[in-house]
Amino acid sequence: MVTFRRQYKPVRNERRRDTRIEFHYPVVLLGIDDQAEILDFSLNGFHIEMKAHHNLVVGQVVTLALRLPTEKQTLRIRAKVVYLDDKGIGCRFVDLGPSHQEMLERCFNVFNATLPID
């Protein structure tokens, strides 16, 4: 189930190129034994909260497994770790095929259009 917990942190210099939405959803990082949750989502990547992120390094490619709430099938997505912070990792999708890109866009558009107004 998707949950929304509004916890915005002020950012001095926004470096993101794409719109990002708050999106709390479970995800599995294959080969890593830890609970993980997506905290936010853009069409280029996720910010994922997890405790075992100290085993990862910037530049490492990981495989994510999840079933988006708008889709019937489980997706396996390759993503590159682009930053580490005290809560988890930021990752950018790599080698997305057209069908995976379409599924991500469909989910993003549904939730982007239905977020509650502050």
Protein backbone atom coordinates (compact mmCIF):
# COMPACT_ATOMS: atom_id res chain seq x y z
CA MET A 1 0.00 0.00 0.00
CA VAL A 2 1.21 3.48 -0.82
CA THR A 3 1.36 5.93 2.08
CA PHE A 4 2.02 9.64 2.07
CA ARG A 5 4.00 11.24 4.88
CA ARG A 6 4.75 14.85 4.11
CA GLN A 7 8.22 15.55 5.47
CA TYR A 8 9.85 18.17 3.30
CA LYS A 9 13.41 19.19 3.95
CA PRO A 10 14.67 22.54 2.72
CA VAL A 11 17.16 22.17 -0.13
CA ARG A 12 19.64 24.96 -0.86
CA ASN A 13 20.47 24.09 -4.45
CA GLU A 14 18.03 21.87 -6.28
CA ARG A 15 19.99 19.68 -8.68
CA ARG A 16 17.19 17.46 -9.86
CA ARG A 17 16.22 17.73 -13.50
CA ASP A 18 12.83 16.08 -13.19
CA THR A 19 9.72 16.47 -11.09
CA ARG A 20 9.79 14.24 -8.04
CA ILE A 21 6.77 13.07 -6.04
CA GLU A 22 6.52 11.66 -2.55
CA PHE A 23 5.83 7.95 -2.96
CA HIS A 24 6.24 5.56 -0.02
CA TYR A 25 6.27 2.03 -1.35
CA PRO A 26 8.15 -1.20 -0.57
CA VAL A 27 10.97 -2.30 -2.88
CA VAL A 28 13.45 -5.18 -2.83
CA LEU A 29 17.11 -4.73 -3.73
CA LEU A 30 18.11 -8.14 -5.03
CA GLY A 31 21.05 -9.63 -3.13
CA ILE A 32 20.64 -7.28 -0.16
CA ASP A 33 18.96 -8.62 2.96
CA ASP A 34 17.21 -5.53 4.27
CA GLN A 35 13.80 -3.93 4.23
CA ALA A 36 13.66 -1.04 1.80
CA GLU A 37 11.05 1.58 0.99
CA ILE A 38 10.86 4.08 -1.82
CA LEU A 39 10.48 7.58 -0.34
CA ASP A 40 10.17 9.56 -3.55
CA PHE A 41 9.96 8.92 -7.25
CA SER A 42 10.83 10.66 -10.51
CA LEU A 43 10.86 9.31 -14.03
CA ASN A 44 14.63 8.91 -13.68
CA GLY A 45 14.96 7.30 -10.27
CA PHE A 46 14.00 6.67 -6.65
CA HIS A 47 15.19 7.71 -3.22
CA ILE A 48 15.14 4.52 -1.15
CA GLU A 49 15.22 4.32 2.64
CA MET A 50 17.12 1.33 4.02
CA LYS A 51 19.43 0.49 6.90
CA ALA A 52 22.00 -1.68 5.05
CA HIS A 53 22.99 1.02 2.57
CA HIS A 54 26.50 1.19 4.07
CA ASN A 55 27.31 -1.90 1.96
CA LEU A 56 26.68 0.09 -1.23
CA VAL A 57 28.91 2.58 -3.03
CA VAL A 58 28.19 5.44 -5.40
CA GLY A 59 28.37 4.14 -8.96
CA GLN A 60 27.27 0.62 -8.05
CA VAL A 61 24.46 -0.85 -10.16
CA VAL A 62 21.68 -2.65 -8.24
CA THR A 63 18.58 -4.51 -9.35
CA LEU A 64 15.27 -3.39 -7.85
CA ALA A 65 12.16 -5.58 -7.75
CA LEU A 66 8.72 -4.09 -7.15
CA ARG A 67 5.14 -4.25 -8.29
CA LEU A 68 3.86 -0.76 -8.93
CA PRO A 69 0.28 -0.21 -7.69
CA THR A 70 -0.85 0.58 -11.25
CA GLU A 71 0.60 -2.64 -12.73
CA LYS A 72 -0.10 -6.37 -12.50
CA GLN A 73 3.42 -7.65 -13.07
CA THR A 74 6.51 -7.34 -10.93
CA LEU A 75 9.23 -5.17 -12.46
CA ARG A 76 12.95 -5.71 -12.25
CA ILE A 77 14.74 -2.43 -12.80
CA ARG A 78 18.48 -1.80 -12.89
CA ALA A 79 19.54 1.39 -11.16
CA LYS A 80 22.83 3.11 -10.43
CA VAL A 81 23.50 4.44 -6.93
CA VAL A 82 24.10 8.18 -7.38
CA TYR A 83 24.24 9.26 -3.74
CA LEU A 84 24.14 7.93 -0.19
CA ASP A 85 22.66 9.79 2.76
CA ASP A 86 21.89 8.96 6.39
CA LYS A 87 18.56 7.33 5.47
CA GLY A 88 19.42 5.39 2.35
CA ILE A 89 20.29 5.81 -1.32
CA GLY A 90 19.37 7.82 -4.37
CA CYS A 91 19.42 5.83 -7.57
CA ARG A 92 18.98 6.54 -11.27
CA PHE A 93 17.42 4.01 -13.61
CA VAL A 94 19.70 2.45 -16.22
CA ASP A 95 18.89 0.46 -19.36
CA LEU A 96 15.11 0.93 -19.12
CA GLY A 97 13.26 -0.71 -21.94
CA PRO A 98 10.23 0.99 -23.50
CA SER A 99 7.70 -1.20 -21.62
CA HIS A 100 9.29 -0.49 -18.22
CA GLN A 101 9.49 3.23 -19.01
CA GLU A 102 5.81 3.21 -19.96
CA MET A 103 4.83 1.46 -16.70
CA LEU A 104 6.85 3.92 -14.62
CA GLU A 105 5.32 6.87 -16.48
CA ARG A 106 1.79 5.52 -16.01
CA CYS A 107 2.31 5.10 -12.25
CA PHE A 108 4.04 8.46 -11.89
CA ASN A 109 1.25 10.26 -13.78
CA VAL A 110 -1.51 8.63 -11.72
CA PHE A 111 0.06 9.56 -8.39
CA ASN A 112 1.29 12.96 -9.53
CA ALA A 113 -2.28 13.84 -10.52
CA THR A 114 -3.87 12.57 -7.30
CA LEU A 115 -1.65 13.90 -4.52
CA PRO A 116 -3.50 15.73 -1.76
CA ILE A 117 -3.38 19.50 -1.76
CA ASP A 118 -1.53 21.07 1.20
